[in-house]
Protein backbone atom coordinates (compact mmCIF):
# COMPACT_ATOMS: atom_id res chain seq x y z
CA MET A 1 -14.76 74.18 -10.08
CA ILE A 2 -14.26 70.70 -10.18
CA ARG A 3 -17.25 69.39 -11.99
CA ARG A 4 -19.47 66.54 -10.10
CA SER A 5 -18.71 63.32 -12.37
CA THR A 6 -15.15 64.12 -10.57
CA TRP A 7 -15.61 64.16 -7.59
CA ILE A 8 -18.16 60.47 -8.08
CA THR A 9 -14.99 59.49 -9.96
CA PHE A 10 -13.42 60.14 -6.80
CA GLY A 11 -15.44 59.16 -4.55
CA ILE A 12 -15.52 55.54 -5.74
CA PHE A 13 -11.67 55.79 -6.11
CA ILE A 14 -11.44 56.58 -2.57
CA LEU A 15 -13.96 53.04 -1.85
CA VAL A 16 -12.13 51.05 -3.92
CA VAL A 17 -8.34 52.46 -1.38
CA LEU A 18 -10.67 52.07 2.10
CA MET A 19 -12.26 48.69 0.31
CA ALA A 20 -8.71 47.65 -0.46
CA ILE A 21 -6.96 48.46 2.68
CA PHE A 22 -9.83 46.66 4.58
CA LEU A 23 -9.80 43.47 2.65
CA THR A 24 -5.64 42.90 3.20
CA ARG A 25 -5.58 44.04 6.67
CA SER A 26 -8.70 42.19 8.29
CA PRO A 27 -7.50 38.10 8.89
CA SER A 28 -10.69 36.29 8.03
CA SER A 29 -10.44 37.34 4.23
CA PRO A 30 -9.55 36.09 1.36
CA LEU A 31 -6.76 38.32 0.59
CA GLY A 32 -5.94 39.27 4.06
CA LYS A 33 -2.34 38.02 4.36
CA GLU A 34 -1.83 34.04 3.93
CA GLN A 35 -1.27 31.97 7.46
CA THR A 36 1.94 29.86 6.11
CA THR A 37 2.01 27.18 8.36
CA THR A 38 4.52 24.34 8.52
CA PRO A 39 3.38 21.26 7.76
CA ALA A 40 4.37 18.99 11.22
CA ALA A 41 6.84 15.64 9.71
CA THR A 42 4.09 12.60 10.33
CA SER A 43 6.21 9.53 12.07
CA THR A 44 5.61 6.24 11.00
CA PRO A 45 6.09 3.83 13.76
CA PRO A 46 9.16 1.51 13.73
CA LEU A 47 8.03 -2.18 12.32
CA PHE A 48 9.79 -3.74 16.02
CA GLY A 49 8.51 -0.75 18.17
CA GLU A 50 11.50 0.71 20.13
CA VAL A 51 13.89 -1.91 20.53
CA THR A 52 17.69 -1.63 20.90
CA SER A 53 20.32 -5.00 19.49
CA ALA A 54 21.05 -5.32 22.94
CA SER A 55 17.82 -6.97 23.44
CA VAL A 56 18.84 -9.02 20.41
CA THR A 57 19.62 -12.54 21.51
CA ALA A 58 19.12 -14.81 18.19
CA VAL A 59 18.17 -14.21 14.73
CA ARG A 60 17.36 -16.83 11.93
CA LEU A 61 16.10 -16.05 8.76
CA GLU A 62 14.46 -18.75 6.95
CA ARG A 63 13.52 -18.74 2.81
CA LEU A 64 10.61 -20.49 0.88
CA GLU A 65 13.59 -22.84 -0.94
CA GLY A 66 14.15 -24.23 3.04
CA LEU A 67 17.25 -22.67 3.48
CA THR A 68 17.81 -21.31 7.34
CA SER A 69 20.25 -18.74 8.62
CA ASP A 70 20.61 -18.53 12.19
CA LEU A 71 22.37 -15.84 14.06
CA VAL A 72 23.31 -16.69 17.76
CA LYS A 73 24.70 -14.61 20.57
CA GLN A 74 27.08 -16.24 22.65
CA SER A 75 27.02 -15.74 26.09
CA ASP A 76 31.02 -13.60 25.49
CA GLY A 77 28.61 -11.25 23.43
CA SER A 78 30.18 -12.83 20.45
CA TRP A 79 28.38 -13.71 17.17
CA VAL A 80 27.83 -16.39 15.96
CA LEU A 81 26.60 -18.00 12.15
CA GLN A 82 24.90 -21.49 12.65
CA PRO A 83 24.83 -24.22 10.76
CA GLY A 84 28.90 -24.38 10.98
CA ASN A 85 29.41 -22.02 13.95
CA VAL A 86 31.40 -19.26 11.84
CA PRO A 87 32.33 -16.38 13.85
CA VAL A 88 30.36 -12.77 12.58
CA THR A 89 31.69 -9.44 13.11
CA ALA A 90 30.22 -7.54 15.57
CA GLY A 91 30.03 -4.54 12.75
CA GLN A 92 28.10 -6.68 10.99
CA MET A 93 25.78 -7.02 13.59
CA GLU A 94 25.17 -4.10 13.68
CA GLN A 95 24.49 -3.30 10.37
CA LEU A 96 22.40 -5.76 10.00
CA LEU A 97 20.40 -4.60 13.09
CA SER A 98 20.23 -1.82 12.07
CA GLU A 99 19.07 -2.15 8.87
CA LEU A 100 16.32 -4.28 10.72
CA PHE A 101 14.69 -1.88 13.28
CA ALA A 102 15.25 1.08 11.09
CA THR A 103 12.25 -0.17 9.15
CA ARG A 104 8.80 1.37 9.56
CA ILE A 105 5.99 0.61 8.84
CA LEU A 106 4.10 2.63 5.85
CA THR A 107 0.62 1.23 6.04
CA THR A 108 -1.34 -1.07 8.60
CA LEU A 109 -4.15 -2.89 6.43
CA ASP A 110 -7.56 -4.50 7.67
CA GLU A 111 -6.91 -7.63 9.59
CA ASN A 112 -9.85 -8.90 7.10
CA TYR A 113 -7.31 -9.87 3.53
CA ASP A 114 -6.98 -12.98 2.38
CA LEU A 115 -3.04 -13.78 3.09
CA SER A 116 -2.54 -15.88 0.04
CA THR A 117 -3.68 -12.50 -1.64
CA LEU A 118 -0.72 -10.50 0.15
CA GLY A 119 1.78 -13.33 -0.75
CA LEU A 120 1.56 -13.85 2.84
CA ALA A 121 -0.09 -17.66 2.97
CA ASN A 122 3.12 -18.97 2.11
CA PRO A 123 5.87 -16.55 3.06
CA THR A 124 8.65 -15.68 0.81
CA PHE A 125 10.59 -15.19 4.22
CA ARG A 126 9.83 -15.54 7.67
CA LEU A 127 12.26 -13.23 10.32
CA THR A 128 12.50 -14.37 13.54
CA ILE A 129 14.14 -12.50 16.12
CA GLN A 130 14.40 -13.74 19.91
CA LEU A 131 14.71 -10.29 22.19
CA ASN A 132 15.02 -11.45 25.50
CA GLY A 133 13.44 -14.86 25.46
CA GLU A 134 10.62 -13.64 23.51
CA ASP A 135 10.64 -14.80 19.63
CA ARG A 136 9.11 -12.07 17.33
CA ILE A 137 8.04 -13.85 14.38
CA LEU A 138 7.78 -11.99 10.85
CA SER A 139 6.05 -13.54 7.66
CA ILE A 140 7.02 -11.71 4.09
CA GLY A 141 4.97 -11.92 1.58
CA ALA A 142 4.72 -10.60 -2.13
CA LEU A 143 5.61 -7.15 -3.23
CA THR A 144 2.91 -4.58 -3.77
CA PRO A 145 1.44 -4.11 -6.45
CA THR A 146 3.61 -0.39 -6.54
CA GLY A 147 6.15 -2.30 -6.39
CA ASN A 148 7.78 -0.38 -3.19
CA GLY A 149 7.32 -2.37 -0.44
CA TYR A 150 6.54 -6.07 0.73
CA TYR A 151 3.10 -7.24 3.05
CA VAL A 152 5.17 -8.78 6.20
CA LYS A 153 2.54 -10.25 9.35
CA PHE A 154 3.83 -10.90 13.05
CA LEU A 155 1.51 -13.77 14.24
CA GLU A 156 -0.84 -11.03 15.84
CA GLY A 157 -1.97 -8.49 14.69
CA PRO A 158 -2.58 -7.24 11.38
CA SER A 159 -0.70 -7.07 7.95
CA MET A 160 1.63 -3.72 7.57
CA VAL A 161 3.58 -2.87 4.14
CA VAL A 162 7.28 -1.98 4.55
CA SER A 163 9.40 -0.61 2.53
CA LYS A 164 10.62 -2.98 -0.19
CA TYR A 165 14.19 -1.36 0.49
CA ALA A 166 14.45 -2.11 4.20
CA VAL A 167 13.67 -5.76 3.55
CA GLU A 168 15.80 -6.20 0.58
CA ALA A 169 18.45 -4.71 2.43
CA ALA A 170 18.15 -6.89 5.83
CA VAL A 171 18.04 -9.95 3.51
CA ALA A 172 21.44 -9.25 1.57
CA GLN A 173 22.73 -8.10 4.90
CA MET A 174 21.88 -11.85 5.97
CA ASP A 175 23.09 -13.62 2.80
CA LEU A 176 26.27 -11.48 3.50
CA LEU A 177 27.12 -13.58 6.16
CA LEU A 178 26.86 -16.66 4.78
CA PRO A 179 29.91 -18.55 4.25
CA THR A 180 30.90 -18.79 0.08
CA PRO A 181 31.52 -22.00 -0.34
CA THR A 182 35.19 -22.80 -2.18
CA PRO A 183 35.14 -23.84 -5.36
CA GLU A 184 36.82 -27.10 -5.74
CA VAL A 185 39.68 -27.56 -8.26
CA MET A 186 39.47 -29.59 -11.42
CA GLN A 187 42.59 -31.65 -12.38
CA PRO A 188 42.49 -32.07 -16.38
CA PRO A 189 42.01 -35.73 -17.78
CA ALA A 190 45.87 -37.00 -18.11
CA ALA A 191 46.67 -36.77 -22.06
CA THR A 192 45.86 -39.86 -24.14
CA PRO A 193 49.49 -41.25 -25.85
CA THR A 194 49.91 -41.27 -29.26
CA PRO A 195 50.39 -44.20 -31.00
């Protein structure tokens, strides 16, 4: 004959098994199958909006030290660098515009930020893109404290943070388009005859 304590232990075991089955099958239970949700990618808006390179008619980069580079689209669709009417290849121009239009806004700041704190009162660079006759002027200020973004601001609207690498790549592309000055060859002084 089975003892009474054995029946009690067997009953407790059956209750534990039933409780485990219930908890693992119940959708609201913490032991239930976890709902694995795939995180959705958050898209960050492009800095210049949905713009194509075909709508760009001019690009100007002004530096704080006064150097200005102008890229102007000619009536035949070719590009020249001003001053000097230096021709720019379509590939170089497309690469520059791709860098600019791929720039994404990382953060939008409140409108009450002090522009001098962000380096936007006297910006390091001022980029003007002419889109079908309309100028979009972007001031590029200081690096963020973390060093991985620049503060930027259009004439209207709030200040924003964009990737440091996107800004530096676009400026580097502009620098590559600048003509390199030809160094002057210095003639050595004539030897003096010995007496």
